[in-house]
Amino acid sequence: MTSQKPKILIGVPAFNGLQPECQQSFMGMVYHCGKDLGAVYDVAVAIITKKEQFRARNHIVDAAIAGDFTWLLMLDDDMVVPDDLVSRLLAHQKDVCGALYYQRGGSYHPVILAREILQDGNWVSRFLRQDHPIIRDPGLHMVDIIGGGCMLFKVDVFRKLVPPYFWWEHSMGTDIAICNRLVDAGIDIWCDTSIELGHLQSDRQVVTSRTIPSALQAASEVNEVLWQDAVAFLGMEDAALESFMIQASVREHRAEKWHASVQRTAWEDVKQYYVDHGDWHIANLLYFNMTRRDPVKEWVFMHAHEHVPPGGTVIDYGLGLGHVAFALADKGVSVLGVEIAGAATLPFVRWRFAHHALAGSLRILETTEATPGEPCPVQVDGACCISVLDHLVDPWGVLAWLSCAVKPGGWMILDYQSEKSEHEPQHLRNYDPATFEENLRGLGWEVSPECPWLFLRRKEDRYGLGTERESSDPYSDTGRGDVSFAYDVSVGGAIGDSVCLDHAPDGA
C-alpha cells in the first residue's frame, strides 16, 4: 500500500563523497528524522557524486519533483549538522529557510549575504559581518541570500522557475543565483541563526563560531575591504590586480626600483623612492598586507580601539595603504596619519577614506624631513609604528617625536627587525631587542605585560604639549645630536586636511 504521508528528500551534492565527520552527523540527523518525524513524514536521501555542483543540484531538484516530494533539504558535503536540524527548520514552514554556518577560511564570514543596489542599477552581494544584528540576535530572520550549505525548500517553489534551476558557477555561486531567482519570483528567503552547523576544513577541523580564530577573522575582514578598495581605485579586475600584486612583490624588482631612486642612504634619496614608481607601491604593499599574517596588526585590529577613550586620537606613523588607520577609523577612532610628503600611496588613502565616508576621521601630516620638524599638533592617546622602523633614516628621532606626542599614560605599538636582509635594501637597519627596549625606557616607555609589542607611557613623564624637552639622542644612526622641540600648537587644519611639516631641527 502506497504511503500518503508527505515526503522529505535530503539531497547532497558530493563530488568526492563524504568525509567521516559529515557522514556521522548525517546519520544522526536521518536517525532523528525517523524517530521524531516518522509518524508524519517519509524521508529519503539522495547523494549525487561525480557531478559539477550546479548539475548535481539540478539533478536533486528533478528527483524531488519527479518523486512528488513536499520538502527538499539540500546539504553540502562538508557540513556537520545537528541531529534535530530537519525538525527545527520544518517547524518554521517557510518556502525557503537556511541555518547559520561560517566560511571555512578567508574572513570566516557568516554565510548569509545582503544584496546591495548600486547607483548604476546593478547589485552586489556582501557577507554579513559577525556583529550584524541578525547574528547577534539568534532566531528566524528574513534575509536576501543564504548559503547553499544548508537550504530547506518547499519543492513547489521550483515549479515557479524555468529550468535549469541552478546555474553554472561563473560570476556568482549557485546559492547566490538561486536566491536571487527566488526573490525575483516573489519568494521570501529566511534563515534561523539559532541553528548553527559546522563547516569541515580540508585539514578536518570543524569551523563554528566557537572555533574561528578571532584574530585571523578580524585581519581578514580588514584585508577584504582593502582588496575591494584597490580593485575599485586601480580599475582592475581581481585577476589582473592579483597578477600586478605578485609581479610587484618580486624581490629583484623591488631592489631595482630602490637603486633607481637611492644613490646613497640619505633622506632625500630615500624619500624619492617612496614618491617615485606610482601605483607599483600600492601593489607592493598590498602583497605584504594580504599574503602574510602579522600578529602585531591582528592585535591592533582586535584590541587597539579598546585602549582609546571616546573622542580619542591615535597616530599611525608610516600610513602606507591606510591598513591600520582604516581599521581604527572604522571603529570610531580619530587617526593622525604621518607619511612622506608626496608619497605615491597618499591618493589611494585619501580615496579610501572618502569612499567609505570616513574622511572626517583622518588627518594626514605630510613630512618633508626624516623626522617631523614641528611638534605634533595634538597630544594623542596612542601611536602605531608598524613595519616602519627598519625603513627610517632617523628612527630614534622619530621615536622621540612620538614620545612627545603621546600623552603620559598613553601607549605605542612598535615592531622592528632583529636581522637585516641583504636582499631588501629598503630595510635600512636592524635592532637588538634588549638594547632597543632599554633605549625606549630612556624615552619614558615600559613594555606592557599584555603583549611584547605594546609599550606604555609612564605617567610621571610630563614633557608634551605646552612644554619644552631637550634630550641627547645617542641612539640615532644618522649622527643626530640634540632633539629640541618648543611646543607651540600652531599647526592646524581641518580633519581630513593635510598639514605639511617642512621644518626640521638642525642636523636632521
Foldseek 3Di string as FASTA:
>chain_A
DDDPAAEEEEEEADAPAADPQQVVQVVLQVVVCCVPVVVHYHYYYYYHYNDPPLVSVLVQLVCCVVVVHFKYKYAYRQKRFHNCVVVVVVVVVAQKEWEWEFDPDQLRATQAWAWDQDPVRDIDIDTDHCPDPPLVPFFKDWGQFGDRRIMMHRSVLCVLDDPPQFDDPDPHHRRNVNSVVSVVSVGIYMYGHVGYIWGADPVRDTDGPVPPPQLSNLLSVLLVLLLVLVCVVVVHDPVVLVVLLVVLQPLVVLVVLLVVQAPDPDDVSLLVSQQPDACSLVSPVSCVSPPDDDVLLSCLLPPVLVQAPQVFEEEEEACRLVSSVVSNLVVPHAYEYEDAPNGNNVVSNLCSCVVVVSLQRYEYEHEPDLAQAAADLAAGQEYEYEPHQQQGQWNLSNVLSNLQRYAAFHKYFDDFAQDDDPSRVSRNDGDDVVVVQVVVVVSQWDADPVDRRMITGHNVDDRYAQAWDWDADPPTPQPDGIDIHHHDNPQDDRRSYYTYRYDHPPSD
